[in-house]
Amino acid sequence: ALQRFREALAANQIDIARELDLIQFWYGALLARAGEHGAAIEHLERVVDPAGELLSQTGPEPQLDGPHALAWSYLRTGATAKATALLSILWQQCQLEAADAVPRDSAFLHYCAETALLSGDVDEALAWLERAVAAGWRDYYLRQNDPYWAAVEDDPRFRAQMEIVRKDIDRQRAEIARIDAAEDFVAKVDAAMAARKSTKR
């Protein structure tokens, strides 16, 4: 992914430093996961506030991954105090959200699981992960080789949750295949779009 990102930057003569914060988070997270921690820190420190907030609000997606990527790179380069400070603030945000007893989406629950994991609290991380899976988190294939979760990949509790997710993805795939075999879904969508266009004329 990082290689393709760089190829796209080069092919389009894009200066990553001039891109939106969203792109900075994305690129920084790829750098962090690929082990290029110095470069990840350089990119992410420009857009992650030391208090764990975005310097400019760009939506939920980067908010969930950018600070974690920065904390991970801090941990991998020995900047433990910086990582601990950032993760502590992120964890406080999880605790505040959890205290209001409002149901949260699975992405947020997984974010809190990952925050606990990066903070070194495996039991808390797996408890939040279980909640995320129950709430519908299904990013199984995105996390198979995620270095953040490598520390627990052999933990039976982690494997059990991943097996629940994998089986449900397989179930969904089989259901989609069954529906598509019975009725050509793509053809139905194409026909509906064609009908819509003709009524607009």
C-alpha atoms as a PDB file:
ATOM      1  CA  ALA A   1       0.000   0.000   0.000  1.00  0.00           C
ATOM      2  CA  LEU A   2       2.821   2.386   0.871  1.00  0.00           C
ATOM      3  CA  GLN A   3       4.624   1.592  -2.373  1.00  0.00           C
ATOM      4  CA  ARG A   4       1.484   2.285  -4.420  1.00  0.00           C
ATOM      5  CA  PHE A   5       0.842   5.492  -2.494  1.00  0.00           C
ATOM      6  CA  ARG A   6       4.364   6.698  -3.284  1.00  0.00           C
ATOM      7  CA  GLU A   7       4.011   5.719  -6.920  1.00  0.00           C
ATOM      8  CA  ALA A   8       0.799   7.768  -7.149  1.00  0.00           C
ATOM      9  CA  LEU A   9       2.477  10.761  -5.491  1.00  0.00           C
ATOM     10  CA  ALA A  10       5.392  10.575  -7.925  1.00  0.00           C
ATOM     11  CA  ALA A  11       3.242   9.993 -11.009  1.00  0.00           C
ATOM     12  CA  ASN A  12       1.074  13.009 -10.207  1.00  0.00           C
ATOM     13  CA  GLN A  13       3.937  15.171  -8.865  1.00  0.00           C
ATOM     14  CA  ILE A  14       2.145  15.621  -5.542  1.00  0.00           C
ATOM     15  CA  ASP A  15       3.891  17.154  -2.546  1.00  0.00           C
ATOM     16  CA  ILE A  16       2.419  15.226   0.391  1.00  0.00           C
ATOM     17  CA  ALA A  17       3.159  18.121   2.746  1.00  0.00           C
ATOM     18  CA  ARG A  18       0.669  20.264   0.816  1.00  0.00           C
ATOM     19  CA  GLU A  19      -2.168  17.744   1.000  1.00  0.00           C
ATOM     20  CA  LEU A  20      -5.180  17.808   3.311  1.00  0.00           C
ATOM     21  CA  ASP A  21      -4.734  16.521   6.853  1.00  0.00           C
ATOM     22  CA  LEU A  22      -6.808  13.483   5.898  1.00  0.00           C
ATOM     23  CA  ILE A  23      -4.164  12.496   3.339  1.00  0.00           C
ATOM     24  CA  GLN A  24      -1.378  13.231   5.832  1.00  0.00           C
ATOM     25  CA  PHE A  25      -2.975  10.850   8.335  1.00  0.00           C
ATOM     26  CA  TRP A  26      -3.408   8.166   5.718  1.00  0.00           C
ATOM     27  CA  TYR A  27       0.174   8.425   4.509  1.00  0.00           C
ATOM     28  CA  GLY A  28       1.561   8.692   8.041  1.00  0.00           C
ATOM     29  CA  ALA A  29      -0.344   5.587   9.123  1.00  0.00           C
ATOM     30  CA  LEU A  30       1.060   3.640   6.165  1.00  0.00           C
ATOM     31  CA  LEU A  31       4.572   4.782   7.060  1.00  0.00           C
ATOM     32  CA  ALA A  32       4.076   3.718  10.675  1.00  0.00           C
ATOM     33  CA  ARG A  33       2.746   0.274   9.776  1.00  0.00           C
ATOM     34  CA  ALA A  34       5.576  -0.220   7.264  1.00  0.00           C
ATOM     35  CA  GLY A  35       8.153   0.528   9.949  1.00  0.00           C
ATOM     36  CA  GLU A  36       9.275   3.941   8.655  1.00  0.00           C
ATOM     37  CA  HIS A  37       8.728   5.524  12.041  1.00  0.00           C
ATOM     38  CA  GLY A  38      10.868   8.636  11.666  1.00  0.00           C
ATOM     39  CA  ALA A  39       9.022   9.639   8.506  1.00  0.00           C
ATOM     40  CA  ALA A  40       5.686   8.775  10.124  1.00  0.00           C
ATOM     41  CA  ILE A  41       6.422  11.022  13.090  1.00  0.00           C
ATOM     42  CA  GLU A  42       7.497  13.865  10.788  1.00  0.00           C
ATOM     43  CA  HIS A  43       4.198  13.707   8.906  1.00  0.00           C
ATOM     44  CA  LEU A  44       1.870  13.010  11.787  1.00  0.00           C
ATOM     45  CA  GLU A  45       3.224  15.575  14.247  1.00  0.00           C
ATOM     46  CA  ARG A  46       2.108  18.258  11.797  1.00  0.00           C
ATOM     47  CA  VAL A  47      -1.539  17.212  12.094  1.00  0.00           C
ATOM     48  CA  VAL A  48      -1.922  15.534  15.488  1.00  0.00           C
ATOM     49  CA  ASP A  49      -2.129  17.886  18.445  1.00  0.00           C
ATOM     50  CA  PRO A  50      -0.015  16.758  21.456  1.00  0.00           C
ATOM     51  CA  ALA A  51      -3.327  16.667  23.352  1.00  0.00           C
ATOM     52  CA  GLY A  52      -4.592  14.003  20.953  1.00  0.00           C
ATOM     53  CA  GLU A  53      -6.952  16.253  19.009  1.00  0.00           C
ATOM     54  CA  LEU A  54      -6.838  17.008  15.304  1.00  0.00           C
ATOM     55  CA  LEU A  55      -5.292  20.339  14.425  1.00  0.00           C
ATOM     56  CA  SER A  56      -8.041  20.718  11.861  1.00  0.00           C
ATOM     57  CA  GLN A  57     -11.182  18.604  11.826  1.00  0.00           C
ATOM     58  CA  THR A  58     -11.366  16.440   8.720  1.00  0.00           C
ATOM     59  CA  GLY A  59     -13.843  13.731   9.678  1.00  0.00           C
ATOM     60  CA  PRO A  60     -13.842  10.549  11.729  1.00  0.00           C
ATOM     61  CA  GLU A  61     -11.620   8.286   9.644  1.00  0.00           C
ATOM     62  CA  PRO A  62      -8.252   9.977  10.276  1.00  0.00           C
ATOM     63  CA  GLN A  63      -9.202  10.670  13.870  1.00  0.00           C
ATOM     64  CA  LEU A  64      -9.359   6.937  14.479  1.00  0.00           C
ATOM     65  CA  ASP A  65      -5.985   6.052  12.937  1.00  0.00           C
ATOM     66  CA  GLY A  66      -3.654   9.054  12.879  1.00  0.00           C
ATOM     67  CA  PRO A  67      -3.005   9.406  16.622  1.00  0.00           C
ATOM     68  CA  HIS A  68      -2.530   5.645  16.969  1.00  0.00           C
ATOM     69  CA  ALA A  69       0.017   5.621  14.162  1.00  0.00           C
ATOM     70  CA  LEU A  70       1.911   8.461  15.848  1.00  0.00           C
ATOM     71  CA  ALA A  71       1.823   6.704  19.226  1.00  0.00           C
ATOM     72  CA  TRP A  72       3.006   3.457  17.600  1.00  0.00           C
ATOM     73  CA  SER A  73       5.945   5.227  15.964  1.00  0.00           C
ATOM     74  CA  TYR A  74       6.824   6.942  19.233  1.00  0.00           C
ATOM     75  CA  LEU A  75       6.863   3.541  20.954  1.00  0.00           C
ATOM     76  CA  ARG A  76       9.028   2.001  18.228  1.00  0.00           C
ATOM     77  CA  THR A  77      11.601   4.819  18.388  1.00  0.00           C
ATOM     78  CA  GLY A  78      11.944   4.955  22.168  1.00  0.00           C
ATOM     79  CA  ALA A  79       9.869   8.125  22.641  1.00  0.00           C
ATOM     80  CA  THR A  80       7.900   6.322  25.339  1.00  0.00           C
ATOM     81  CA  ALA A  81       6.961   9.440  27.302  1.00  0.00           C
ATOM     82  CA  LYS A  82       5.379  11.032  24.229  1.00  0.00           C
ATOM     83  CA  ALA A  83       3.528   7.821  23.392  1.00  0.00           C
ATOM     84  CA  THR A  84       2.273   7.426  26.955  1.00  0.00           C
ATOM     85  CA  ALA A  85       1.045  11.025  27.108  1.00  0.00           C
ATOM     86  CA  LEU A  86      -0.806  10.756  23.801  1.00  0.00           C
ATOM     87  CA  LEU A  87      -2.346   7.366  24.570  1.00  0.00           C
ATOM     88  CA  SER A  88      -3.421   8.544  28.021  1.00  0.00           C
ATOM     89  CA  ILE A  89      -5.433  11.364  26.479  1.00  0.00           C
ATOM     90  CA  LEU A  90      -6.943   9.060  23.865  1.00  0.00           C
ATOM     91  CA  TRP A  91      -7.925   6.619  26.605  1.00  0.00           C
ATOM     92  CA  GLN A  92      -9.568   9.418  28.593  1.00  0.00           C
ATOM     93  CA  GLN A  93     -11.674  10.180  25.519  1.00  0.00           C
ATOM     94  CA  CYS A  94     -12.740   6.516  25.380  1.00  0.00           C
ATOM     95  CA  GLN A  95     -13.646   6.570  29.063  1.00  0.00           C
ATOM     96  CA  LEU A  96     -15.696   9.743  28.685  1.00  0.00           C
ATOM     97  CA  GLU A  97     -17.558   8.284  25.716  1.00  0.00           C
ATOM     98  CA  ALA A  98     -18.169   5.013  27.550  1.00  0.00           C
ATOM     99  CA  ALA A  99     -19.503   6.796  30.640  1.00  0.00           C
ATOM    100  CA  ASP A 100     -22.509   8.307  28.861  1.00  0.00           C
ATOM    101  CA  ALA A 101     -23.895   4.800  28.108  1.00  0.00           C
ATOM    102  CA  VAL A 102     -24.802   5.726  24.519  1.00  0.00           C
ATOM    103  CA  PRO A 103     -24.273   2.793  22.111  1.00  0.00           C
ATOM    104  CA  ARG A 104     -21.178   3.374  19.971  1.00  0.00           C
ATOM    105  CA  ASP A 105     -20.431   2.158  16.505  1.00  0.00           C
ATOM    106  CA  SER A 106     -17.996  -0.674  16.024  1.00  0.00           C
ATOM    107  CA  ALA A 107     -15.227   1.544  14.607  1.00  0.00           C
ATOM    108  CA  PHE A 108     -15.131   3.619  17.801  1.00  0.00           C
ATOM    109  CA  LEU A 109     -15.136   0.508  19.992  1.00  0.00           C
ATOM    110  CA  HIS A 110     -12.257  -0.946  17.968  1.00  0.00           C
ATOM    111  CA  TYR A 111     -10.415   2.373  18.277  1.00  0.00           C
ATOM    112  CA  CYS A 112     -10.681   2.126  22.070  1.00  0.00           C
ATOM    113  CA  ALA A 113      -9.550  -1.515  21.962  1.00  0.00           C
ATOM    114  CA  GLU A 114      -6.513  -0.459  19.959  1.00  0.00           C
ATOM    115  CA  THR A 115      -5.818   2.443  22.333  1.00  0.00           C
ATOM    116  CA  ALA A 116      -5.762   0.009  25.262  1.00  0.00           C
ATOM    117  CA  LEU A 117      -3.573  -2.409  23.307  1.00  0.00           C
ATOM    118  CA  LEU A 118      -1.000   0.241  22.403  1.00  0.00           C
ATOM    119  CA  SER A 119      -1.041   1.296  26.056  1.00  0.00           C
ATOM    120  CA  GLY A 120      -0.071  -2.253  27.012  1.00  0.00           C
ATOM    121  CA  ASP A 121      -3.358  -3.312  28.610  1.00  0.00           C
ATOM    122  CA  VAL A 122      -4.150  -6.541  26.764  1.00  0.00           C
ATOM    123  CA  ASP A 123      -7.119  -7.538  28.934  1.00  0.00           C
ATOM    124  CA  GLU A 124      -8.830  -4.181  28.427  1.00  0.00           C
ATOM    125  CA  ALA A 125      -8.021  -4.249  24.709  1.00  0.00           C
ATOM    126  CA  LEU A 126      -9.606  -7.654  24.242  1.00  0.00           C
ATOM    127  CA  ALA A 127     -12.677  -6.671  26.259  1.00  0.00           C
ATOM    128  CA  TRP A 128     -13.225  -3.646  23.988  1.00  0.00           C
ATOM    129  CA  LEU A 129     -12.522  -5.771  20.916  1.00  0.00           C
ATOM    130  CA  GLU A 130     -15.238  -8.201  22.006  1.00  0.00           C
ATOM    131  CA  ARG A 131     -17.664  -5.266  22.263  1.00  0.00           C
ATOM    132  CA  ALA A 132     -16.589  -4.033  18.810  1.00  0.00           C
ATOM    133  CA  VAL A 133     -17.178  -7.454  17.241  1.00  0.00           C
ATOM    134  CA  ALA A 134     -20.594  -7.707  18.908  1.00  0.00           C
ATOM    135  CA  ALA A 135     -21.419  -4.248  17.494  1.00  0.00           C
ATOM    136  CA  GLY A 136     -20.554  -5.336  13.940  1.00  0.00           C
ATOM    137  CA  TRP A 137     -16.808  -4.724  13.504  1.00  0.00           C
ATOM    138  CA  ARG A 138     -15.733  -6.837  10.527  1.00  0.00           C
ATOM    139  CA  ASP A 139     -12.320  -5.522   9.362  1.00  0.00           C
ATOM    140  CA  TYR A 140     -10.843  -9.015   9.538  1.00  0.00           C
ATOM    141  CA  TYR A 141      -8.815  -8.910   6.345  1.00  0.00           C
ATOM    142  CA  LEU A 142      -7.456  -5.431   7.029  1.00  0.00           C
ATOM    143  CA  ARG A 143      -6.066  -6.582  10.385  1.00  0.00           C
ATOM    144  CA  GLN A 144      -4.537  -9.943   9.504  1.00  0.00           C
ATOM    145  CA  ASN A 145      -1.014  -8.533   9.301  1.00  0.00           C
ATOM    146  CA  ASP A 146      -1.496  -5.381  11.362  1.00  0.00           C
ATOM    147  CA  PRO A 147       1.657  -4.836  13.462  1.00  0.00           C
ATOM    148  CA  TYR A 148      -0.369  -3.089  16.168  1.00  0.00           C
ATOM    149  CA  TRP A 149      -2.146  -6.372  16.963  1.00  0.00           C
ATOM    150  CA  ALA A 150       0.848  -8.691  16.516  1.00  0.00           C
ATOM    151  CA  ALA A 151       1.363  -8.829  20.282  1.00  0.00           C
ATOM    152  CA  VAL A 152      -1.918 -10.714  20.753  1.00  0.00           C
ATOM    153  CA  GLU A 153      -2.183 -12.674  17.505  1.00  0.00           C
ATOM    154  CA  ASP A 154      -1.606 -15.957  19.375  1.00  0.00           C
ATOM    155  CA  ASP A 155      -3.870 -15.096  22.308  1.00  0.00           C
ATOM    156  CA  PRO A 156      -6.850 -17.521  22.307  1.00  0.00           C
ATOM    157  CA  ARG A 157      -9.222 -14.676  23.192  1.00  0.00           C
ATOM    158  CA  PHE A 158      -8.087 -12.654  20.180  1.00  0.00           C
ATOM    159  CA  ARG A 159      -8.224 -15.667  17.875  1.00  0.00           C
ATOM    160  CA  ALA A 160     -11.761 -16.448  19.098  1.00  0.00           C
ATOM    161  CA  GLN A 161     -12.969 -12.956  18.196  1.00  0.00           C
ATOM    162  CA  MET A 162     -11.249 -13.101  14.808  1.00  0.00           C
ATOM    163  CA  GLU A 163     -12.904 -16.456  14.140  1.00  0.00           C
ATOM    164  CA  ILE A 164     -16.332 -14.955  14.872  1.00  0.00           C
ATOM    165  CA  VAL A 165     -15.599 -12.170  12.395  1.00  0.00           C
ATOM    166  CA  ARG A 166     -14.195 -14.493   9.735  1.00  0.00           C
ATOM    167  CA  LYS A 167     -17.177 -16.828   9.928  1.00  0.00           C
ATOM    168  CA  ASP A 168     -19.618 -13.949   9.628  1.00  0.00           C
ATOM    169  CA  ILE A 169     -17.775 -12.549   6.609  1.00  0.00           C
ATOM    170  CA  ASP A 170     -17.888 -16.006   5.019  1.00  0.00           C
ATOM    171  CA  ARG A 171     -21.619 -16.209   5.803  1.00  0.00           C
ATOM    172  CA  GLN A 172     -22.224 -12.824   4.178  1.00  0.00           C
ATOM    173  CA  ARG A 173     -20.182 -13.797   1.120  1.00  0.00           C
ATOM    174  CA  ALA A 174     -22.183 -17.007   0.702  1.00  0.00           C
ATOM    175  CA  GLU A 175     -25.465 -15.120   1.076  1.00  0.00           C
ATOM    176  CA  ILE A 176     -24.431 -12.577  -1.542  1.00  0.00           C
ATOM    177  CA  ALA A 177     -23.392 -15.379  -3.914  1.00  0.00           C
ATOM    178  CA  ARG A 178     -26.738 -17.116  -3.359  1.00  0.00           C
ATOM    179  CA  ILE A 179     -28.710 -13.939  -4.056  1.00  0.00           C
ATOM    180  CA  ASP A 180     -26.596 -13.114  -7.092  1.00  0.00           C
ATOM    181  CA  ALA A 181     -27.061 -16.625  -8.500  1.00  0.00           C
ATOM    182  CA  ALA A 182     -30.828 -16.351  -8.132  1.00  0.00           C
ATOM    183  CA  GLU A 183     -31.083 -12.852  -9.550  1.00  0.00           C
ATOM    184  CA  ASP A 184     -28.353 -10.945 -11.374  1.00  0.00           C
ATOM    185  CA  PHE A 185     -27.942  -8.033  -8.985  1.00  0.00           C
ATOM    186  CA  VAL A 186     -25.587  -6.064 -11.237  1.00  0.00           C
ATOM    187  CA  ALA A 187     -28.017  -6.378 -14.145  1.00  0.00           C
ATOM    188  CA  LYS A 188     -30.881  -5.203 -11.904  1.00  0.00           C
ATOM    189  CA  VAL A 189     -28.893  -2.136 -10.835  1.00  0.00           C
ATOM    190  CA  ASP A 190     -27.962  -1.374 -14.446  1.00  0.00           C
ATOM    191  CA  ALA A 191     -31.609  -1.686 -15.497  1.00  0.00           C
ATOM    192  CA  ALA A 192     -32.750   0.558 -12.662  1.00  0.00           C
ATOM    193  CA  MET A 193     -30.149   3.187 -13.579  1.00  0.00           C
ATOM    194  CA  ALA A 194     -31.151   3.045 -17.245  1.00  0.00           C
ATOM    195  CA  ALA A 195     -34.819   3.444 -16.291  1.00  0.00           C
ATOM    196  CA  ARG A 196     -33.974   6.391 -14.075  1.00  0.00           C
ATOM    197  CA  LYS A 197     -32.048   8.107 -16.867  1.00  0.00           C
ATOM    198  CA  SER A 198     -34.883   7.598 -19.339  1.00  0.00           C
ATOM    199  CA  THR A 199     -37.448   9.172 -16.984  1.00  0.00           C
ATOM    200  CA  LYS A 200     -35.259  12.251 -16.585  1.00  0.00           C
ATOM    201  CA  ARG A 201     -35.233  12.938 -20.340  1.00  0.00           C
END
